[in-house]
């Protein structure tokens, strides 16, 4: 049995294989799970990862805002800049677990 470290090293060595595995694993289930939240970091990534990577379910994360009204104890970003940082963090977390992200905000730049 592989350790987590060994598994990550293998994935980094063969990203095409990881991409293929993720694409094929979506075919194992017809279930889609949607997680909604008011702002980034409301999602339950442990559960979503288990549903997506463990059971092959499609995972969608819908977020109402980009988190620009939150607090930041790690950096100088505030308001709009903080929203950009938090959005990127959420999108990267979703990419890692192969989830789709949809922004429900009402700002001029939101699709």
C-alpha atoms as a PDB file:
ATOM      1  CA  UNK A   1       0.000   0.000   0.000  1.00  0.00           C
ATOM      2  CA  UNK A   2       1.311   3.430  -0.955  1.00  0.00           C
ATOM      3  CA  UNK A   3       1.809   6.196   1.549  1.00  0.00           C
ATOM      4  CA  UNK A   4       0.242   9.583   0.834  1.00  0.00           C
ATOM      5  CA  UNK A   5       3.676  10.965  -0.020  1.00  0.00           C
ATOM      6  CA  UNK A   6       4.378   8.148  -2.490  1.00  0.00           C
ATOM      7  CA  UNK A   7       0.976   8.627  -4.103  1.00  0.00           C
ATOM      8  CA  UNK A   8       1.583  12.377  -4.523  1.00  0.00           C
ATOM      9  CA  UNK A   9       5.021  11.786  -6.036  1.00  0.00           C
ATOM     10  CA  UNK A  10       3.532   9.345  -8.539  1.00  0.00           C
ATOM     11  CA  UNK A  11       0.820  11.828  -9.473  1.00  0.00           C
ATOM     12  CA  UNK A  12       3.361  14.589 -10.009  1.00  0.00           C
ATOM     13  CA  UNK A  13       5.438  12.267 -12.175  1.00  0.00           C
ATOM     14  CA  UNK A  14       2.474  11.368 -14.379  1.00  0.00           C
ATOM     15  CA  UNK A  15      -0.085  14.219 -14.535  1.00  0.00           C
ATOM     16  CA  UNK A  16      -1.598  12.860 -17.775  1.00  0.00           C
ATOM     17  CA  UNK A  17      -2.494   9.655 -15.961  1.00  0.00           C
ATOM     18  CA  UNK A  18      -4.144  11.661 -13.178  1.00  0.00           C
ATOM     19  CA  UNK A  19      -6.140  13.656 -15.740  1.00  0.00           C
ATOM     20  CA  UNK A  20      -7.290  10.468 -17.454  1.00  0.00           C
ATOM     21  CA  UNK A  21      -8.210   8.848 -14.138  1.00  0.00           C
ATOM     22  CA  UNK A  22     -10.278  11.869 -13.111  1.00  0.00           C
ATOM     23  CA  UNK A  23     -12.085  11.945 -16.448  1.00  0.00           C
ATOM     24  CA  UNK A  24     -12.887   8.240 -16.333  1.00  0.00           C
ATOM     25  CA  UNK A  25     -13.895   8.233 -12.672  1.00  0.00           C
ATOM     26  CA  UNK A  26     -16.661  10.721 -13.489  1.00  0.00           C
ATOM     27  CA  UNK A  27     -18.266   7.918 -15.482  1.00  0.00           C
ATOM     28  CA  UNK A  28     -18.705   5.716 -12.393  1.00  0.00           C
ATOM     29  CA  UNK A  29     -21.601   7.724 -10.949  1.00  0.00           C
ATOM     30  CA  UNK A  30     -24.529   9.737 -12.241  1.00  0.00           C
ATOM     31  CA  UNK A  31     -24.842  11.620  -8.952  1.00  0.00           C
ATOM     32  CA  UNK A  32     -24.012  15.323  -8.694  1.00  0.00           C
ATOM     33  CA  UNK A  33     -23.512  16.922  -5.288  1.00  0.00           C
ATOM     34  CA  UNK A  34     -23.737  20.703  -4.917  1.00  0.00           C
ATOM     35  CA  UNK A  35     -22.261  22.492  -1.917  1.00  0.00           C
ATOM     36  CA  UNK A  36     -23.375  26.089  -1.399  1.00  0.00           C
ATOM     37  CA  UNK A  37     -21.805  28.734   0.789  1.00  0.00           C
ATOM     38  CA  UNK A  38     -21.871  32.449   1.450  1.00  0.00           C
ATOM     39  CA  UNK A  39     -18.160  32.924   0.782  1.00  0.00           C
ATOM     40  CA  UNK A  40     -14.975  30.959   0.072  1.00  0.00           C
ATOM     41  CA  UNK A  41     -13.923  28.565   2.844  1.00  0.00           C
ATOM     42  CA  UNK A  42     -17.502  27.542   3.642  1.00  0.00           C
ATOM     43  CA  UNK A  43     -17.106  24.367   1.593  1.00  0.00           C
ATOM     44  CA  UNK A  44     -16.421  21.033   3.315  1.00  0.00           C
ATOM     45  CA  UNK A  45     -13.432  19.890   1.265  1.00  0.00           C
ATOM     46  CA  UNK A  46     -12.877  16.627   3.158  1.00  0.00           C
ATOM     47  CA  UNK A  47     -16.404  15.453   2.435  1.00  0.00           C
ATOM     48  CA  UNK A  48     -16.372  16.805  -1.113  1.00  0.00           C
ATOM     49  CA  UNK A  49     -13.039  15.084  -1.831  1.00  0.00           C
ATOM     50  CA  UNK A  50     -14.410  11.770  -0.545  1.00  0.00           C
ATOM     51  CA  UNK A  51     -17.534  12.092  -2.687  1.00  0.00           C
ATOM     52  CA  UNK A  52     -15.607  13.080  -5.817  1.00  0.00           C
ATOM     53  CA  UNK A  53     -12.390  11.101  -5.561  1.00  0.00           C
ATOM     54  CA  UNK A  54     -13.696   8.185  -3.510  1.00  0.00           C
ATOM     55  CA  UNK A  55     -17.156   7.640  -4.986  1.00  0.00           C
ATOM     56  CA  UNK A  56     -16.806   9.281  -8.399  1.00  0.00           C
ATOM     57  CA  UNK A  57     -19.643  11.753  -7.895  1.00  0.00           C
ATOM     58  CA  UNK A  58     -19.582  15.076  -9.723  1.00  0.00           C
ATOM     59  CA  UNK A  59     -19.034  17.897  -7.223  1.00  0.00           C
ATOM     60  CA  UNK A  60     -20.166  21.490  -7.748  1.00  0.00           C
ATOM     61  CA  UNK A  61     -19.313  24.285  -5.322  1.00  0.00           C
ATOM     62  CA  UNK A  62     -21.550  27.369  -5.566  1.00  0.00           C
ATOM     63  CA  UNK A  63     -20.445  30.467  -3.689  1.00  0.00           C
ATOM     64  CA  UNK A  64     -22.495  33.631  -3.164  1.00  0.00           C
ATOM     65  CA  UNK A  65     -19.614  36.074  -2.754  1.00  0.00           C
ATOM     66  CA  UNK A  66     -15.871  36.111  -3.284  1.00  0.00           C
ATOM     67  CA  UNK A  67     -15.076  36.751   0.381  1.00  0.00           C
ATOM     68  CA  UNK A  68     -14.077  40.385  -0.010  1.00  0.00           C
ATOM     69  CA  UNK A  69     -15.771  41.286   3.277  1.00  0.00           C
ATOM     70  CA  UNK A  70     -13.787  38.785   5.351  1.00  0.00           C
ATOM     71  CA  UNK A  71     -10.764  39.120   7.579  1.00  0.00           C
ATOM     72  CA  UNK A  72      -7.161  38.429   6.662  1.00  0.00           C
ATOM     73  CA  UNK A  73      -4.683  37.715   9.439  1.00  0.00           C
ATOM     74  CA  UNK A  74      -1.996  36.434   7.035  1.00  0.00           C
ATOM     75  CA  UNK A  75      -1.527  39.323   4.625  1.00  0.00           C
ATOM     76  CA  UNK A  76      -2.265  42.958   3.787  1.00  0.00           C
ATOM     77  CA  UNK A  77      -5.120  42.286   1.331  1.00  0.00           C
ATOM     78  CA  UNK A  78      -8.479  43.873   2.128  1.00  0.00           C
ATOM     79  CA  UNK A  79     -11.841  44.230   0.337  1.00  0.00           C
ATOM     80  CA  UNK A  80     -11.498  43.615  -3.433  1.00  0.00           C
ATOM     81  CA  UNK A  81      -7.914  42.354  -3.222  1.00  0.00           C
ATOM     82  CA  UNK A  82      -8.914  39.955  -0.455  1.00  0.00           C
ATOM     83  CA  UNK A  83     -11.779  38.706  -2.617  1.00  0.00           C
ATOM     84  CA  UNK A  84      -9.302  37.912  -5.383  1.00  0.00           C
ATOM     85  CA  UNK A  85      -7.021  35.994  -3.002  1.00  0.00           C
ATOM     86  CA  UNK A  86      -9.877  34.020  -1.458  1.00  0.00           C
ATOM     87  CA  UNK A  87     -11.379  33.266  -4.882  1.00  0.00           C
ATOM     88  CA  UNK A  88      -8.068  31.902  -6.139  1.00  0.00           C
ATOM     89  CA  UNK A  89      -7.633  29.797  -3.000  1.00  0.00           C
ATOM     90  CA  UNK A  90     -11.084  28.288  -3.448  1.00  0.00           C
ATOM     91  CA  UNK A  91     -10.572  27.650  -7.157  1.00  0.00           C
ATOM     92  CA  UNK A  92      -7.254  25.921  -6.445  1.00  0.00           C
ATOM     93  CA  UNK A  93      -8.825  23.776  -3.708  1.00  0.00           C
ATOM     94  CA  UNK A  94     -11.601  22.834  -6.133  1.00  0.00           C
ATOM     95  CA  UNK A  95      -9.051  21.988  -8.825  1.00  0.00           C
ATOM     96  CA  UNK A  96      -7.248  19.638  -6.432  1.00  0.00           C
ATOM     97  CA  UNK A  97     -10.432  17.666  -5.729  1.00  0.00           C
ATOM     98  CA  UNK A  98     -11.681  17.999  -9.338  1.00  0.00           C
ATOM     99  CA  UNK A  99     -14.773  20.029  -8.431  1.00  0.00           C
ATOM    100  CA  UNK A 100     -16.551  22.675 -10.496  1.00  0.00           C
ATOM    101  CA  UNK A 101     -16.883  26.202  -9.047  1.00  0.00           C
ATOM    102  CA  UNK A 102     -19.753  28.574  -9.803  1.00  0.00           C
ATOM    103  CA  UNK A 103     -19.841  32.138  -8.479  1.00  0.00           C
ATOM    104  CA  UNK A 104     -23.303  33.490  -7.658  1.00  0.00           C
ATOM    105  CA  UNK A 105     -22.227  37.049  -6.884  1.00  0.00           C
ATOM    106  CA  UNK A 106     -23.819  40.131  -8.341  1.00  0.00           C
ATOM    107  CA  UNK A 107     -20.681  42.123  -9.074  1.00  0.00           C
ATOM    108  CA  UNK A 108     -19.959  43.578 -12.522  1.00  0.00           C
ATOM    109  CA  UNK A 109     -17.126  41.118 -13.181  1.00  0.00           C
ATOM    110  CA  UNK A 110     -19.022  38.001 -12.136  1.00  0.00           C
ATOM    111  CA  UNK A 111     -20.328  35.850 -14.989  1.00  0.00           C
END
